[in-house]
Amino acid sequence: MVLVINCIGDDPIAQSFDRAISRPIKKAKMKVDFLRLSKIGEKPDLSRFSQYSHMIISGSEASVVEDNPWDDLLKEIIDQRVAEGMPLLGICYGHQFLARALLGKVAVRKSATPEFGWIEISLAENPLFAGITSPVFMVSHYDEACNLTGDFKILASSPRCGIHAFQYKDLPVWGVQFHPEYDIKEAEEIFDAVKKDDPKLPTYFFDTLRQQLQPKQNERIFLNFLKR
């Protein structure tokens, strides 16, 4: 069973993520539980998390360079899962928070230029990316990982972001800055929501999407991850 930790505060966007991430999990014929960080009351019993086979951490509108109410809890969950050797995948904010949890705040920063839209990303050879060709991914971030140590293998980059993916040591622990989970319609809904708060978004919006079917292959990242 997969545990998905949802770090999104906005209800409609959080629900959109849950629907999107459920598709590849269902395709892998696995069950899923969700933990919504912004809705947690009392601290959960962390010992029960060992029942899961995999864990995925979502993106968020929260900034990883700032302190958030769930930071200590999320770091504790990550530390325990890494120690257990549980396969772990962080997406966008989840990718950044993995770096912060493992190295501290020195490993995250504001991006020099935000990235939004659909962009081509250079991928290194890694089991996580098996079957991905001519990669184009949705991106939506103001922060990024940085200053990673030799324990991290940098697996992906773009012209504006040097660390678009990493693997921690030889463990089944990965972070991806881009979003493999969303389809075109879901991505457009997120871009529209961001535009309401950030009128400058069109100035750093990219669209290298050449074919409507390109994003469909991106679910392979989750299928590869869930095989670990």
Protein backbone atom coordinates (compact mmCIF):
# COMPACT_ATOMS: atom_id res chain seq x y z
CA MET A 1 0.00 0.00 0.00
CA VAL A 2 1.19 3.51 -0.88
CA LEU A 3 1.09 6.46 1.52
CA VAL A 4 0.64 9.81 -0.22
CA ILE A 5 1.42 12.86 1.91
CA ASN A 6 -0.50 15.82 0.51
CA CYS A 7 1.15 19.14 1.43
CA ILE A 8 -1.31 21.34 -0.51
CA GLY A 9 -3.47 23.79 1.44
CA ASP A 10 -5.99 24.81 -1.23
CA ASP A 11 -8.83 22.25 -1.23
CA PRO A 12 -9.60 22.10 -4.99
CA ILE A 13 -5.91 21.83 -5.92
CA ALA A 14 -5.32 19.24 -3.18
CA GLN A 15 -8.22 17.19 -4.51
CA SER A 16 -6.91 17.53 -8.07
CA PHE A 17 -3.54 16.17 -6.95
CA ASP A 18 -5.17 13.23 -5.17
CA ARG A 19 -7.06 12.32 -8.34
CA ALA A 20 -3.96 12.68 -10.51
CA ILE A 21 -1.65 10.63 -8.30
CA SER A 22 -4.29 7.93 -7.88
CA ARG A 23 -4.22 7.11 -11.61
CA PRO A 24 -0.74 5.53 -11.80
CA ILE A 25 -1.16 3.91 -8.37
CA LYS A 26 -4.38 2.28 -9.56
CA LYS A 27 -2.66 1.26 -12.80
CA ALA A 28 0.03 -0.44 -10.70
CA LYS A 29 -2.79 -2.33 -8.93
CA MET A 30 -1.84 -0.93 -5.55
CA LYS A 31 -3.94 0.61 -2.78
CA VAL A 32 -3.38 4.12 -1.46
CA ASP A 33 -3.89 6.10 1.75
CA PHE A 34 -3.73 9.90 1.92
CA LEU A 35 -2.41 12.11 4.71
CA ARG A 36 -3.33 15.80 4.33
CA LEU A 37 -0.77 17.78 6.35
CA SER A 38 -2.85 20.96 6.60
CA LYS A 39 -5.75 19.00 8.12
CA ILE A 40 -3.81 17.13 10.81
CA GLY A 41 -4.94 17.76 14.38
CA GLU A 42 -3.06 15.62 16.85
CA LYS A 43 0.26 14.08 15.84
CA PRO A 44 -0.40 10.70 14.19
CA ASP A 45 1.07 7.44 15.46
CA LEU A 46 4.20 7.25 13.30
CA SER A 47 4.76 3.57 14.03
CA ARG A 48 1.79 2.72 11.80
CA PHE A 49 3.54 4.22 8.77
CA SER A 50 5.80 1.16 8.58
CA GLN A 51 2.84 -0.77 7.15
CA TYR A 52 3.22 1.05 3.82
CA SER A 53 5.43 -0.18 1.00
CA HIS A 54 6.02 3.23 -0.66
CA MET A 55 5.63 6.92 0.18
CA ILE A 56 5.03 9.92 -2.11
CA ILE A 57 5.22 13.57 -0.98
CA SER A 58 3.27 16.13 -3.01
CA GLY A 59 3.99 19.64 -4.14
CA SER A 60 2.60 22.65 -2.26
CA GLU A 61 1.88 26.35 -2.59
CA ALA A 62 3.88 26.73 0.65
CA SER A 63 7.52 27.81 0.36
CA VAL A 64 10.17 25.35 1.51
CA VAL A 65 12.53 28.19 2.45
CA GLU A 66 10.04 29.32 5.09
CA ASP A 67 8.96 27.43 8.20
CA ASN A 68 5.58 25.71 8.09
CA PRO A 69 3.56 24.08 10.89
CA TRP A 70 4.18 20.55 9.62
CA ASP A 71 7.97 20.81 9.16
CA ASP A 72 9.02 18.82 12.23
CA LEU A 73 6.45 16.10 11.62
CA LEU A 74 7.33 15.73 7.95
CA LYS A 75 11.06 15.59 8.69
CA GLU A 76 10.48 12.89 11.31
CA ILE A 77 8.40 10.85 8.87
CA ILE A 78 11.09 11.18 6.19
CA ASP A 79 13.94 10.30 8.55
CA GLN A 80 12.14 7.14 9.69
CA ARG A 81 11.27 6.02 6.17
CA VAL A 82 14.80 6.61 4.86
CA ALA A 83 16.22 4.63 7.81
CA GLU A 84 13.84 1.78 6.98
CA GLY A 85 14.82 1.82 3.31
CA MET A 86 11.25 2.49 2.18
CA PRO A 87 10.96 3.72 -1.43
CA LEU A 88 10.27 7.46 -1.23
CA LEU A 89 9.45 9.99 -3.96
CA GLY A 90 9.14 13.75 -3.48
CA ILE A 91 7.45 15.93 -6.11
CA CYS A 92 8.19 19.69 -6.43
CA TYR A 93 7.82 20.93 -2.82
CA GLY A 94 8.24 17.30 -1.74
CA HIS A 95 11.51 17.12 -3.70
CA GLN A 96 12.74 20.32 -2.08
CA PHE A 97 11.67 19.26 1.40
CA LEU A 98 13.49 15.95 1.02
CA ALA A 99 16.70 17.90 0.41
CA ARG A 100 15.95 20.17 3.38
CA ALA A 101 15.14 17.22 5.66
CA LEU A 102 18.37 15.42 4.75
CA LEU A 103 20.75 18.42 4.66
CA GLY A 104 19.04 21.37 6.35
CA LYS A 105 17.95 24.76 5.00
CA VAL A 106 21.27 25.19 3.19
CA ALA A 107 19.89 22.78 0.57
CA VAL A 108 16.97 24.99 -0.56
CA ARG A 109 16.61 28.52 -1.91
CA LYS A 110 14.41 30.83 -3.96
CA SER A 111 14.85 30.24 -7.69
CA ALA A 112 16.62 33.04 -9.55
CA THR A 113 13.77 32.85 -12.07
CA PRO A 114 10.58 30.85 -11.46
CA GLU A 115 9.68 28.05 -13.87
CA PHE A 116 6.13 27.54 -15.09
CA GLY A 117 4.68 25.75 -18.09
CA TRP A 118 5.84 22.74 -20.10
CA ILE A 119 9.59 22.40 -20.56
CA GLU A 120 12.11 19.96 -21.97
CA ILE A 121 14.26 18.49 -19.22
CA SER A 122 17.57 16.63 -19.61
CA LEU A 123 17.44 13.27 -17.84
CA ALA A 124 20.35 11.07 -16.77
CA GLU A 125 20.07 7.31 -17.03
CA ASN A 126 18.24 6.01 -13.98
CA PRO A 127 15.67 3.27 -13.35
CA LEU A 128 13.17 5.99 -12.37
CA PHE A 129 13.17 7.31 -15.94
CA ALA A 130 12.98 3.99 -17.82
CA GLY A 131 10.79 4.33 -20.90
CA ILE A 132 10.74 8.15 -20.96
CA THR A 133 11.66 9.58 -24.38
CA SER A 134 11.80 13.24 -25.50
CA PRO A 135 10.83 14.31 -21.98
CA VAL A 136 8.55 17.31 -21.54
CA PHE A 137 7.19 17.97 -18.06
CA MET A 138 4.91 20.43 -16.34
CA VAL A 139 6.80 22.79 -14.02
CA SER A 140 5.41 25.14 -11.39
CA HIS A 141 7.89 26.40 -8.79
CA TYR A 142 9.43 29.46 -7.15
CA ASP A 143 11.94 27.53 -4.98
CA GLU A 144 14.56 24.88 -5.74
CA ALA A 145 17.04 22.45 -4.21
CA CYS A 146 20.70 23.50 -4.13
CA ASN A 147 24.10 22.75 -2.53
CA LEU A 148 23.58 18.99 -2.55
CA THR A 149 26.44 16.89 -1.23
CA GLY A 150 28.13 13.88 -2.82
CA ASP A 151 25.46 11.65 -1.27
CA PHE A 152 23.06 12.91 -3.95
CA LYS A 153 23.12 11.94 -7.61
CA ILE A 154 21.77 14.78 -9.74
CA LEU A 155 19.60 13.16 -12.40
CA ALA A 156 17.88 15.98 -14.30
CA SER A 157 18.26 19.65 -15.16
CA SER A 158 16.86 22.47 -17.27
CA PRO A 159 18.43 25.78 -18.35
CA ARG A 160 16.82 27.55 -15.37
CA CYS A 161 17.07 24.80 -12.75
CA GLY A 162 20.23 22.76 -12.21
CA ILE A 163 18.62 20.14 -9.97
CA HIS A 164 15.36 18.86 -11.43
CA ALA A 165 15.79 15.39 -9.94
CA PHE A 166 18.06 13.52 -7.56
CA GLN A 167 18.57 10.14 -5.95
CA TYR A 168 19.87 9.93 -2.39
CA LYS A 169 22.84 7.58 -2.11
CA ASP A 170 21.92 4.21 -3.64
CA LEU A 171 18.66 4.17 -1.72
CA PRO A 172 15.20 4.12 -3.34
CA VAL A 173 14.83 7.80 -2.43
CA TRP A 174 14.16 10.25 -5.26
CA GLY A 175 13.05 13.83 -5.70
CA VAL A 176 11.68 15.38 -8.90
CA GLN A 177 11.18 19.13 -9.20
CA PHE A 178 8.84 18.74 -12.17
CA HIS A 179 5.30 17.32 -12.05
CA PRO A 180 4.86 13.93 -13.79
CA GLU A 181 1.38 13.42 -12.33
CA TYR A 182 -0.76 16.08 -14.03
CA ASP A 183 -2.44 15.87 -17.41
CA ILE A 184 -2.83 18.95 -19.62
CA LYS A 185 -6.24 19.97 -18.27
CA GLU A 186 -5.14 19.67 -14.63
CA ALA A 187 -1.96 21.62 -15.35
CA GLU A 188 -3.91 24.45 -17.00
CA GLU A 189 -6.18 24.70 -13.96
CA ILE A 190 -3.12 25.13 -11.74
CA PHE A 191 -1.56 27.73 -14.04
CA ASP A 192 -4.84 29.68 -14.05
CA ALA A 193 -4.93 29.63 -10.24
CA VAL A 194 -1.34 30.89 -10.01
CA LYS A 195 -2.00 33.70 -12.51
CA LYS A 196 -4.62 35.15 -10.17
CA ASP A 197 -1.92 35.73 -7.53
CA ASP A 198 1.05 36.36 -9.81
CA PRO A 199 0.36 38.63 -12.81
CA LYS A 200 4.02 38.26 -13.89
CA LEU A 201 3.61 34.54 -14.59
CA PRO A 202 3.34 34.97 -18.40
CA THR A 203 6.86 36.47 -18.44
CA TYR A 204 8.44 33.22 -17.24
CA PHE A 205 5.97 30.75 -18.75
CA PHE A 206 7.33 28.16 -21.19
CA ASP A 207 5.43 25.94 -23.59
CA THR A 208 7.53 23.34 -25.42
CA LEU A 209 4.65 20.88 -25.62
CA ARG A 210 4.66 19.69 -29.23
CA GLN A 211 2.16 16.85 -28.95
CA GLN A 212 -0.88 16.50 -26.72
CA LEU A 213 0.13 12.91 -25.96
CA GLN A 214 3.60 13.79 -24.64
CA PRO A 215 2.60 14.05 -20.94
CA LYS A 216 0.92 10.63 -20.99
CA GLN A 217 4.29 8.84 -20.85
CA ASN A 218 5.23 10.69 -17.66
CA GLU A 219 3.18 8.31 -15.51
CA ARG A 220 5.94 5.77 -16.19
CA ILE A 221 7.96 7.53 -13.52
CA PHE A 222 5.41 6.44 -10.92
CA LEU A 223 5.12 2.95 -12.37
CA ASN A 224 8.92 2.61 -12.25
CA PHE A 225 8.97 3.93 -8.69
CA LEU A 226 6.24 1.56 -7.54
CA LYS A 227 8.22 -1.42 -8.84
CA ARG A 228 11.03 -0.72 -6.38
